Amino acid sequence: MRLIRPVFPRGLLVAALACALLAACASAPPRNPLAEWRGSPNHDVRRARLVVLHHTDMESAEAALHTLQTGNAGGPVSAHYLVGRDGRLYQLVPEQLRAWHAGAGRWQGQDDLNSASIGIEIDNDGHSPFPDAQLEALLRLLEDIVARTGIPRAQVIGHADLAPARKRDPSAVFPWARLAEAGFGLWPRAAPAPAPDDFDPWRALRLVGYDLADPEAARCAFQRHFRAHECTLEEDGHMARGAWRPGDFDILHDLERQRLGRGDRALPGLAPAPDDEAAASARATRGGGVRQ
């Protein structure tokens, strides 16, 4: 039997081909034209509400790319972006997918932080200054991200902020003030008003976003981020018990007011905060002396 091959009008064939191409494009996650694509398989799907900054603690961007693109003895990790010391940007995971960068942690009551965030690794050893070219590239990237995603500009934090008991990045030398000048991240206003005598620093830390499961670690993370002060570690790796520093309470009070909409209203439903002798002593002190 002779088979008769169906003949389709040329217009229908062109339309079908166009539909197929559009479907393929629709399924391909968009990539950021600012960055060089270096795809990583270590991801899944989610929607972001904040940006988390890391430092790589490695010798080069290429070494970091290798780690972020492969399986590792400690488990696969990735980030959405890597910022090289020379200002070169690399994208590893599309923003609408979940990169595996945050790990265990908590911020503003959210504990699935891989799902809630865009992760940016910064090529840095954890001790050296961050070059201008690198910071300028980071600021361009942040501007691009918030413009497209609607993530609030204040919701740019460090890895140590969400995991204070186990992380220190992006280090005490990271210039958060420079990001604040460009409008990114929560930052105290110039010459903040003195905190009231009954000010509770632990409540303020919670309102800013810190988890108080380990209060000392949360205090250290705050001081690292907002005071460029690095806490010491005990022999067992835990944060050494320290003290509030002069000016800490005034800064925390200002950050708390910003989180509350620049007013003095209280948020309902807050659990009692932990206390320590330094905070209690500072609250009890009225009049002269240095406010903590």
C-alpha atoms as a PDB file:
ATOM      1  CA  MET A   1       0.000   0.000   0.000  1.00  0.00           C
ATOM      2  CA  ARG A   2       1.304   3.387  -0.899  1.00  0.00           C
ATOM      3  CA  LEU A   3       1.337   5.780   2.059  1.00  0.00           C
ATOM      4  CA  ILE A   4       0.269   9.330   1.420  1.00  0.00           C
ATOM      5  CA  ARG A   5       2.294  11.819   3.453  1.00  0.00           C
ATOM      6  CA  PRO A   6       0.106  14.624   4.825  1.00  0.00           C
ATOM      7  CA  VAL A   7       0.919  18.068   3.537  1.00  0.00           C
ATOM      8  CA  PHE A   8       0.679  21.020   5.929  1.00  0.00           C
ATOM      9  CA  PRO A   9       0.414  24.593   4.765  1.00  0.00           C
ATOM     10  CA  ARG A  10       3.721  26.439   5.130  1.00  0.00           C
ATOM     11  CA  GLY A  11       2.116  29.010   7.429  1.00  0.00           C
ATOM     12  CA  LEU A  12       1.048  26.318   9.892  1.00  0.00           C
ATOM     13  CA  LEU A  13       4.550  24.841   9.973  1.00  0.00           C
ATOM     14  CA  VAL A  14       6.087  28.239  10.697  1.00  0.00           C
ATOM     15  CA  ALA A  15       3.539  28.899  13.448  1.00  0.00           C
ATOM     16  CA  ALA A  16       4.161  25.502  15.025  1.00  0.00           C
ATOM     17  CA  LEU A  17       7.912  26.059  14.987  1.00  0.00           C
ATOM     18  CA  ALA A  18       7.486  29.499  16.583  1.00  0.00           C
ATOM     19  CA  CYS A  19       5.298  28.043  19.345  1.00  0.00           C
ATOM     20  CA  ALA A  20       7.891  25.373  20.058  1.00  0.00           C
ATOM     21  CA  LEU A  21      10.632  27.967  20.312  1.00  0.00           C
ATOM     22  CA  LEU A  22       8.537  30.158  22.610  1.00  0.00           C
ATOM     23  CA  ALA A  23       7.776  27.204  24.861  1.00  0.00           C
ATOM     24  CA  ALA A  24      11.467  26.375  25.084  1.00  0.00           C
ATOM     25  CA  CYS A  25      12.303  29.973  25.958  1.00  0.00           C
ATOM     26  CA  ALA A  26       9.537  30.125  28.565  1.00  0.00           C
ATOM     27  CA  SER A  27      10.944  27.068  30.326  1.00  0.00           C
ATOM     28  CA  ALA A  28      14.505  28.430  30.368  1.00  0.00           C
ATOM     29  CA  PRO A  29      15.107  30.503  33.535  1.00  0.00           C
ATOM     30  CA  PRO A  30      16.216  34.060  32.770  1.00  0.00           C
ATOM     31  CA  ARG A  31      19.860  34.921  33.304  1.00  0.00           C
ATOM     32  CA  ASN A  32      21.299  38.242  34.394  1.00  0.00           C
ATOM     33  CA  PRO A  33      23.129  40.001  31.520  1.00  0.00           C
ATOM     34  CA  LEU A  34      25.391  41.734  34.046  1.00  0.00           C
ATOM     35  CA  ALA A  35      27.017  38.429  34.972  1.00  0.00           C
ATOM     36  CA  GLU A  36      28.869  35.644  33.179  1.00  0.00           C
ATOM     37  CA  TRP A  37      26.827  32.425  33.337  1.00  0.00           C
ATOM     38  CA  ARG A  38      28.554  29.581  35.208  1.00  0.00           C
ATOM     39  CA  GLY A  39      25.643  27.238  35.875  1.00  0.00           C
ATOM     40  CA  SER A  40      25.507  25.102  39.016  1.00  0.00           C
ATOM     41  CA  PRO A  41      23.232  22.036  39.387  1.00  0.00           C
ATOM     42  CA  ASN A  42      22.878  22.654  43.131  1.00  0.00           C
ATOM     43  CA  HIS A  43      19.487  24.391  43.336  1.00  0.00           C
ATOM     44  CA  ASP A  44      15.674  24.079  43.355  1.00  0.00           C
ATOM     45  CA  VAL A  45      12.642  26.452  43.113  1.00  0.00           C
ATOM     46  CA  ARG A  46      11.503  29.304  45.448  1.00  0.00           C
ATOM     47  CA  ARG A  47      10.770  33.071  45.745  1.00  0.00           C
ATOM     48  CA  ALA A  48      13.221  35.454  47.430  1.00  0.00           C
ATOM     49  CA  ARG A  49      12.467  38.185  49.979  1.00  0.00           C
ATOM     50  CA  LEU A  50      15.986  39.190  51.054  1.00  0.00           C
ATOM     51  CA  VAL A  51      19.627  39.146  49.910  1.00  0.00           C
ATOM     52  CA  VAL A  52      22.358  37.381  51.907  1.00  0.00           C
ATOM     53  CA  LEU A  53      26.030  38.336  51.483  1.00  0.00           C
ATOM     54  CA  HIS A  54      28.901  35.896  52.073  1.00  0.00           C
ATOM     55  CA  HIS A  55      32.655  35.862  51.669  1.00  0.00           C
ATOM     56  CA  THR A  56      34.220  32.803  50.072  1.00  0.00           C
ATOM     57  CA  ASP A  57      37.206  32.327  52.421  1.00  0.00           C
ATOM     58  CA  MET A  58      39.100  30.866  49.448  1.00  0.00           C
ATOM     59  CA  GLU A  59      42.218  31.816  47.507  1.00  0.00           C
ATOM     60  CA  SER A  60      40.535  32.799  44.243  1.00  0.00           C
ATOM     61  CA  ALA A  61      37.253  33.202  42.416  1.00  0.00           C
ATOM     62  CA  GLU A  62      38.056  30.172  40.260  1.00  0.00           C
ATOM     63  CA  ALA A  63      38.519  28.016  43.349  1.00  0.00           C
ATOM     64  CA  ALA A  64      35.195  29.259  44.692  1.00  0.00           C
ATOM     65  CA  LEU A  65      33.488  28.580  41.355  1.00  0.00           C
ATOM     66  CA  HIS A  66      34.741  24.990  41.453  1.00  0.00           C
ATOM     67  CA  THR A  67      33.287  24.493  44.934  1.00  0.00           C
ATOM     68  CA  LEU A  68      29.992  26.131  44.007  1.00  0.00           C
ATOM     69  CA  GLN A  69      29.589  24.064  40.842  1.00  0.00           C
ATOM     70  CA  THR A  70      30.427  20.593  42.152  1.00  0.00           C
ATOM     71  CA  GLY A  71      29.577  18.142  44.899  1.00  0.00           C
ATOM     72  CA  ASN A  72      31.752  18.413  47.995  1.00  0.00           C
ATOM     73  CA  ALA A  73      32.692  16.188  50.897  1.00  0.00           C
ATOM     74  CA  GLY A  74      30.539  18.328  53.174  1.00  0.00           C
ATOM     75  CA  GLY A  75      27.625  18.380  50.717  1.00  0.00           C
ATOM     76  CA  PRO A  76      26.859  20.492  47.640  1.00  0.00           C
ATOM     77  CA  VAL A  77      26.684  24.269  48.040  1.00  0.00           C
ATOM     78  CA  SER A  78      25.951  27.088  45.632  1.00  0.00           C
ATOM     79  CA  ALA A  79      25.040  30.758  45.412  1.00  0.00           C
ATOM     80  CA  HIS A  80      23.169  32.796  42.861  1.00  0.00           C
ATOM     81  CA  TYR A  81      26.151  35.078  42.244  1.00  0.00           C
ATOM     82  CA  LEU A  82      29.871  35.359  42.863  1.00  0.00           C
ATOM     83  CA  VAL A  83      31.608  38.759  42.817  1.00  0.00           C
ATOM     84  CA  GLY A  84      35.313  38.556  41.938  1.00  0.00           C
ATOM     85  CA  ARG A  85      37.947  40.797  43.457  1.00  0.00           C
ATOM     86  CA  ASP A  86      38.385  42.414  40.050  1.00  0.00           C
ATOM     87  CA  GLY A  87      34.669  43.244  39.859  1.00  0.00           C
ATOM     88  CA  ARG A  88      33.770  40.406  37.534  1.00  0.00           C
ATOM     89  CA  LEU A  89      30.293  38.998  38.162  1.00  0.00           C
ATOM     90  CA  TYR A  90      29.361  35.341  37.798  1.00  0.00           C
ATOM     91  CA  GLN A  91      25.841  33.925  37.963  1.00  0.00           C
ATOM     92  CA  LEU A  92      25.506  30.284  38.977  1.00  0.00           C
ATOM     93  CA  VAL A  93      21.791  29.842  39.692  1.00  0.00           C
ATOM     94  CA  PRO A  94      18.762  31.720  38.284  1.00  0.00           C
ATOM     95  CA  GLU A  95      17.207  33.985  40.900  1.00  0.00           C
ATOM     96  CA  GLN A  96      13.833  32.236  40.931  1.00  0.00           C
ATOM     97  CA  LEU A  97      15.529  28.960  41.897  1.00  0.00           C
ATOM     98  CA  ARG A  98      16.779  28.102  45.370  1.00  0.00           C
ATOM     99  CA  ALA A  99      20.562  28.080  45.724  1.00  0.00           C
ATOM    100  CA  TRP A 100      22.069  26.229  48.669  1.00  0.00           C
ATOM    101  CA  HIS A 101      24.013  28.924  50.473  1.00  0.00           C
ATOM    102  CA  ALA A 102      22.366  29.862  53.777  1.00  0.00           C
ATOM    103  CA  GLY A 103      22.208  26.583  55.667  1.00  0.00           C
ATOM    104  CA  ALA A 104      20.696  26.391  59.129  1.00  0.00           C
ATOM    105  CA  GLY A 105      19.739  29.775  60.533  1.00  0.00           C
ATOM    106  CA  ARG A 106      16.932  32.170  61.322  1.00  0.00           C
ATOM    107  CA  TRP A 107      16.137  35.792  60.467  1.00  0.00           C
ATOM    108  CA  GLN A 108      12.968  37.722  61.348  1.00  0.00           C
ATOM    109  CA  GLY A 109      11.275  34.458  62.290  1.00  0.00           C
ATOM    110  CA  GLN A 110      12.069  32.793  58.949  1.00  0.00           C
ATOM    111  CA  ASP A 111      14.150  29.625  59.132  1.00  0.00           C
ATOM    112  CA  ASP A 112      14.018  28.332  55.535  1.00  0.00           C
ATOM    113  CA  LEU A 113      16.449  30.980  54.392  1.00  0.00           C
ATOM    114  CA  ASN A 114      17.552  29.266  51.206  1.00  0.00           C
ATOM    115  CA  SER A 115      13.944  29.661  50.094  1.00  0.00           C
ATOM    116  CA  ALA A 116      13.712  33.257  51.285  1.00  0.00           C
ATOM    117  CA  SER A 117      16.919  34.712  49.868  1.00  0.00           C
ATOM    118  CA  ILE A 118      19.247  35.439  46.981  1.00  0.00           C
ATOM    119  CA  GLY A 119      22.808  34.461  47.914  1.00  0.00           C
ATOM    120  CA  ILE A 120      25.846  36.470  46.808  1.00  0.00           C
ATOM    121  CA  GLU A 121      29.350  35.140  47.441  1.00  0.00           C
ATOM    122  CA  ILE A 122      32.128  37.749  47.540  1.00  0.00           C
ATOM    123  CA  ASP A 123      35.659  36.605  46.695  1.00  0.00           C
ATOM    124  CA  ASN A 124      37.529  37.442  49.915  1.00  0.00           C
ATOM    125  CA  ASP A 125      39.668  35.597  52.461  1.00  0.00           C
ATOM    126  CA  GLY A 126      37.766  36.979  55.447  1.00  0.00           C
ATOM    127  CA  HIS A 127      40.557  39.341  56.536  1.00  0.00           C
ATOM    128  CA  SER A 128      41.525  41.530  53.582  1.00  0.00           C
ATOM    129  CA  PRO A 129      39.823  44.776  52.536  1.00  0.00           C
ATOM    130  CA  PHE A 130      37.281  44.580  49.738  1.00  0.00           C
ATOM    131  CA  PRO A 131      38.571  46.322  46.565  1.00  0.00           C
ATOM    132  CA  ASP A 132      36.656  49.255  45.101  1.00  0.00           C
ATOM    133  CA  ALA A 133      36.047  47.426  41.817  1.00  0.00           C
ATOM    134  CA  GLN A 134      34.466  44.556  43.718  1.00  0.00           C
ATOM    135  CA  LEU A 135      32.249  46.807  45.829  1.00  0.00           C
ATOM    136  CA  GLU A 136      31.138  48.832  42.821  1.00  0.00           C
ATOM    137  CA  ALA A 137      30.173  45.623  41.021  1.00  0.00           C
ATOM    138  CA  LEU A 138      28.289  44.432  44.104  1.00  0.00           C
ATOM    139  CA  LEU A 139      26.357  47.708  44.315  1.00  0.00           C
ATOM    140  CA  ARG A 140      25.407  47.498  40.633  1.00  0.00           C
ATOM    141  CA  LEU A 141      24.212  43.953  41.159  1.00  0.00           C
ATOM    142  CA  LEU A 142      22.167  44.865  44.247  1.00  0.00           C
ATOM    143  CA  GLU A 143      20.574  47.793  42.410  1.00  0.00           C
ATOM    144  CA  ASP A 144      19.634  45.477  39.568  1.00  0.00           C
ATOM    145  CA  ILE A 145      18.243  42.781  41.868  1.00  0.00           C
ATOM    146  CA  VAL A 146      16.006  45.029  43.966  1.00  0.00           C
ATOM    147  CA  ALA A 147      14.725  46.851  40.866  1.00  0.00           C
ATOM    148  CA  ARG A 148      13.592  43.588  39.274  1.00  0.00           C
ATOM    149  CA  THR A 149      12.478  41.561  42.285  1.00  0.00           C
ATOM    150  CA  GLY A 150      10.956  44.162  44.603  1.00  0.00           C
ATOM    151  CA  ILE A 151      13.074  42.928  47.524  1.00  0.00           C
ATOM    152  CA  PRO A 152      13.170  45.805  50.063  1.00  0.00           C
ATOM    153  CA  ARG A 153      16.480  47.657  50.013  1.00  0.00           C
ATOM    154  CA  ALA A 154      16.795  47.239  53.777  1.00  0.00           C
ATOM    155  CA  GLN A 155      16.660  43.462  53.425  1.00  0.00           C
ATOM    156  CA  VAL A 156      20.342  42.986  52.625  1.00  0.00           C
ATOM    157  CA  ILE A 157      22.077  41.084  55.433  1.00  0.00           C
ATOM    158  CA  GLY A 158      25.193  39.026  56.102  1.00  0.00           C
ATOM    159  CA  HIS A 159      25.431  35.275  56.508  1.00  0.00           C
ATOM    160  CA  ALA A 160      26.517  35.803  60.116  1.00  0.00           C
ATOM    161  CA  ASP A 161      23.330  37.764  60.818  1.00  0.00           C
ATOM    162  CA  LEU A 162      21.131  34.737  60.128  1.00  0.00           C
ATOM    163  CA  ALA A 163      23.520  32.125  61.563  1.00  0.00           C
ATOM    164  CA  PRO A 164      25.390  33.997  64.310  1.00  0.00           C
ATOM    165  CA  ALA A 165      26.487  30.921  66.247  1.00  0.00           C
ATOM    166  CA  ARG A 166      28.327  29.337  63.320  1.00  0.00           C
ATOM    167  CA  LYS A 167      29.161  31.990  60.688  1.00  0.00           C
ATOM    168  CA  ARG A 168      31.214  35.198  60.547  1.00  0.00           C
ATOM    169  CA  ASP A 169      30.913  36.288  56.930  1.00  0.00           C
ATOM    170  CA  PRO A 170      31.210  38.712  55.290  1.00  0.00           C
ATOM    171  CA  SER A 171      33.669  39.586  58.117  1.00  0.00           C
ATOM    172  CA  ALA A 172      34.138  42.574  60.389  1.00  0.00           C
ATOM    173  CA  VAL A 173      36.045  44.476  57.681  1.00  0.00           C
ATOM    174  CA  PHE A 174      33.142  44.433  55.227  1.00  0.00           C
ATOM    175  CA  PRO A 175      32.078  48.077  54.617  1.00  0.00           C
ATOM    176  CA  TRP A 176      28.389  47.957  55.496  1.00  0.00           C
ATOM    177  CA  ALA A 177      28.379  51.748  55.793  1.00  0.00           C
ATOM    178  CA  ARG A 178      29.257  52.039  52.105  1.00  0.00           C
ATOM    179  CA  LEU A 179      26.286  49.855  51.208  1.00  0.00           C
ATOM    180  CA  ALA A 180      24.101  51.990  53.460  1.00  0.00           C
ATOM    181  CA  GLU A 181      25.237  55.140  51.630  1.00  0.00           C
ATOM    182  CA  ALA A 182      23.886  53.529  48.460  1.00  0.00           C
ATOM    183  CA  GLY A 183      20.631  52.680  50.228  1.00  0.00           C
ATOM    184  CA  PHE A 184      21.147  48.991  51.015  1.00  0.00           C
ATOM    185  CA  GLY A 185      20.745  47.297  54.371  1.00  0.00           C
ATOM    186  CA  LEU A 186      19.506  48.517  57.717  1.00  0.00           C
ATOM    187  CA  TRP A 187      21.859  51.118  59.189  1.00  0.00           C
ATOM    188  CA  PRO A 188      21.732  53.560  62.128  1.00  0.00           C
ATOM    189  CA  ARG A 189      21.028  57.169  61.348  1.00  0.00           C
ATOM    190  CA  ALA A 190      23.699  59.788  62.037  1.00  0.00           C
ATOM    191  CA  ALA A 191      23.927  60.768  65.716  1.00  0.00           C
ATOM    192  CA  PRO A 192      21.110  58.487  66.912  1.00  0.00           C
ATOM    193  CA  ALA A 193      19.119  59.649  69.912  1.00  0.00           C
ATOM    194  CA  PRO A 194      20.138  58.150  73.258  1.00  0.00           C
ATOM    195  CA  ALA A 195      18.347  54.962  74.219  1.00  0.00           C
ATOM    196  CA  PRO A 196      15.941  55.308  77.158  1.00  0.00           C
ATOM    197  CA  ASP A 197      17.054  54.147  80.589  1.00  0.00           C
ATOM    198  CA  ASP A 198      14.721  51.141  80.466  1.00  0.00           C
ATOM    199  CA  PHE A 199      15.896  50.084  76.996  1.00  0.00           C
ATOM    200  CA  ASP A 200      15.952  46.305  76.434  1.00  0.00           C
ATOM    201  CA  PRO A 201      18.753  45.416  73.971  1.00  0.00           C
ATOM    202  CA  TRP A 202      17.631  41.805  73.582  1.00  0.00           C
ATOM    203  CA  ARG A 203      14.145  42.829  72.545  1.00  0.00           C
ATOM    204  CA  ALA A 204      15.700  45.242  70.044  1.00  0.00           C
ATOM    205  CA  LEU A 205      17.956  42.529  68.616  1.00  0.00           C
ATOM    206  CA  ARG A 206      14.888  40.352  68.061  1.00  0.00           C
ATOM    207  CA  LEU A 207      12.997  43.182  66.370  1.00  0.00           C
ATOM    208  CA  VAL A 208      15.937  43.906  64.074  1.00  0.00           C
ATOM    209  CA  GLY A 209      15.797  40.260  62.991  1.00  0.00           C
ATOM    210  CA  TYR A 210      18.320  38.312  65.056  1.00  0.00           C
ATOM    211  CA  ASP A 211      17.488  34.922  66.522  1.00  0.00           C
ATOM    212  CA  LEU A 212      18.160  34.742  70.265  1.00  0.00           C
ATOM    213  CA  ALA A 213      18.615  30.988  70.596  1.00  0.00           C
ATOM    214  CA  ASP A 214      22.235  31.906  71.396  1.00  0.00           C
ATOM    215  CA  PRO A 215      22.070  35.468  72.789  1.00  0.00           C
ATOM    216  CA  GLU A 216      25.850  35.952  72.966  1.00  0.00           C
ATOM    217  CA  ALA A 217      26.245  34.930  69.335  1.00  0.00           C
ATOM    218  CA  ALA A 218      23.474  37.346  68.325  1.00  0.00           C
ATOM    219  CA  ARG A 219      25.166  40.176  70.233  1.00  0.00           C
ATOM    220  CA  CYS A 220      28.477  39.380  68.519  1.00  0.00           C
ATOM    221  CA  ALA A 221      26.822  39.326  65.086  1.00  0.00           C
ATOM    222  CA  PHE A 222      25.282  42.731  65.768  1.00  0.00           C
ATOM    223  CA  GLN A 223      28.639  44.179  66.869  1.00  0.00           C
ATOM    224  CA  ARG A 224      30.419  42.684  63.861  1.00  0.00           C
ATOM    225  CA  HIS A 225      27.861  44.122  61.425  1.00  0.00           C
ATOM    226  CA  PHE A 226      27.167  47.532  62.949  1.00  0.00           C
ATOM    227  CA  ARG A 227      30.344  48.243  64.978  1.00  0.00           C
ATOM    228  CA  ALA A 228      33.035  46.442  62.897  1.00  0.00           C
ATOM    229  CA  HIS A 229      34.000  44.626  66.105  1.00  0.00           C
ATOM    230  CA  GLU A 230      35.007  40.958  66.004  1.00  0.00           C
ATOM    231  CA  CYS A 231      34.210  38.792  69.019  1.00  0.00           C
ATOM    232  CA  THR A 232      36.636  36.161  70.242  1.00  0.00           C
ATOM    233  CA  LEU A 233      35.979  32.423  70.347  1.00  0.00           C
ATOM    234  CA  GLU A 234      36.318  30.030  73.251  1.00  0.00           C
ATOM    235  CA  GLU A 235      38.380  26.838  72.834  1.00  0.00           C
ATOM    236  CA  ASP A 236      35.176  24.919  72.087  1.00  0.00           C
ATOM    237  CA  GLY A 237      34.406  27.269  69.184  1.00  0.00           C
ATOM    238  CA  HIS A 238      31.565  29.128  70.917  1.00  0.00           C
ATOM    239  CA  MET A 239      31.453  32.911  71.149  1.00  0.00           C
ATOM    240  CA  ALA A 240      33.236  34.211  74.221  1.00  0.00           C
ATOM    241  CA  ARG A 241      30.886  35.884  76.660  1.00  0.00           C
ATOM    242  CA  GLY A 242      31.553  39.567  76.324  1.00  0.00           C
ATOM    243  CA  ALA A 243      29.807  42.805  77.069  1.00  0.00           C
ATOM    244  CA  TRP A 244      27.849  45.518  75.370  1.00  0.00           C
ATOM    245  CA  ARG A 245      30.094  48.282  74.061  1.00  0.00           C
ATOM    246  CA  PRO A 246      29.607  52.044  74.496  1.00  0.00           C
ATOM    247  CA  GLY A 247      27.113  53.227  71.907  1.00  0.00           C
ATOM    248  CA  ASP A 248      25.578  49.785  71.268  1.00  0.00           C
ATOM    249  CA  PHE A 249      22.290  50.638  72.956  1.00  0.00           C
ATOM    250  CA  ASP A 250      21.856  53.924  71.079  1.00  0.00           C
ATOM    251  CA  ILE A 251      22.446  52.188  67.742  1.00  0.00           C
ATOM    252  CA  LEU A 252      20.125  49.302  68.585  1.00  0.00           C
ATOM    253  CA  HIS A 253      17.440  51.708  69.730  1.00  0.00           C
ATOM    254  CA  ASP A 254      17.643  53.540  66.403  1.00  0.00           C
ATOM    255  CA  LEU A 255      17.509  50.291  64.404  1.00  0.00           C
ATOM    256  CA  GLU A 256      14.539  49.151  66.477  1.00  0.00           C
ATOM    257  CA  ARG A 257      12.668  52.368  65.726  1.00  0.00           C
ATOM    258  CA  GLN A 258      13.379  51.960  62.012  1.00  0.00           C
ATOM    259  CA  ARG A 259      11.983  48.424  62.080  1.00  0.00           C
ATOM    260  CA  LEU A 260       8.893  49.747  63.858  1.00  0.00           C
ATOM    261  CA  GLY A 261       8.340  52.408  61.227  1.00  0.00           C
ATOM    262  CA  ARG A 262      10.355  55.156  62.959  1.00  0.00           C
ATOM    263  CA  GLY A 263       7.853  55.304  65.799  1.00  0.00           C
ATOM    264  CA  ASP A 264       7.755  54.164  69.394  1.00  0.00           C
ATOM    265  CA  ARG A 265       4.842  51.722  69.149  1.00  0.00           C
ATOM    266  CA  ALA A 266       5.489  48.209  70.405  1.00  0.00           C
ATOM    267  CA  LEU A 267       4.924  45.010  68.480  1.00  0.00           C
ATOM    268  CA  PRO A 268       2.522  42.571  70.182  1.00  0.00           C
ATOM    269  CA  GLY A 269       3.254  38.982  71.038  1.00  0.00           C
ATOM    270  CA  LEU A 270       6.944  39.233  71.896  1.00  0.00           C
ATOM    271  CA  ALA A 271       8.301  36.598  74.248  1.00  0.00           C
ATOM    272  CA  PRO A 272      10.387  37.693  77.242  1.00  0.00           C
ATOM    273  CA  ALA A 273      13.953  38.465  76.180  1.00  0.00           C
ATOM    274  CA  PRO A 274      17.073  37.021  77.825  1.00  0.00           C
ATOM    275  CA  ASP A 275      18.994  39.270  80.157  1.00  0.00           C
ATOM    276  CA  ASP A 276      22.545  39.650  81.394  1.00  0.00           C
ATOM    277  CA  GLU A 277      24.316  41.647  84.066  1.00  0.00           C
ATOM    278  CA  ALA A 278      25.741  44.188  81.614  1.00  0.00           C
ATOM    279  CA  ALA A 279      22.363  45.032  80.129  1.00  0.00           C
ATOM    280  CA  ALA A 280      20.650  45.134  83.508  1.00  0.00           C
ATOM    281  CA  SER A 281      23.376  47.340  84.945  1.00  0.00           C
ATOM    282  CA  ALA A 282      23.218  49.739  82.020  1.00  0.00           C
ATOM    283  CA  ARG A 283      19.432  50.015  82.285  1.00  0.00           C
ATOM    284  CA  ALA A 284      19.680  50.697  86.005  1.00  0.00           C
ATOM    285  CA  THR A 285      22.247  53.475  85.542  1.00  0.00           C
ATOM    286  CA  ARG A 286      20.786  56.950  85.159  1.00  0.00           C
ATOM    287  CA  GLY A 287      22.551  60.258  84.775  1.00  0.00           C
ATOM    288  CA  GLY A 288      26.296  60.474  84.097  1.00  0.00           C
ATOM    289  CA  GLY A 289      28.644  57.926  82.620  1.00  0.00           C
ATOM    290  CA  VAL A 290      28.879  56.290  79.211  1.00  0.00           C
ATOM    291  CA  ARG A 291      25.616  54.856  77.884  1.00  0.00           C
ATOM    292  CA  GLN A 292      25.990  51.306  76.605  1.00  0.00           C
END
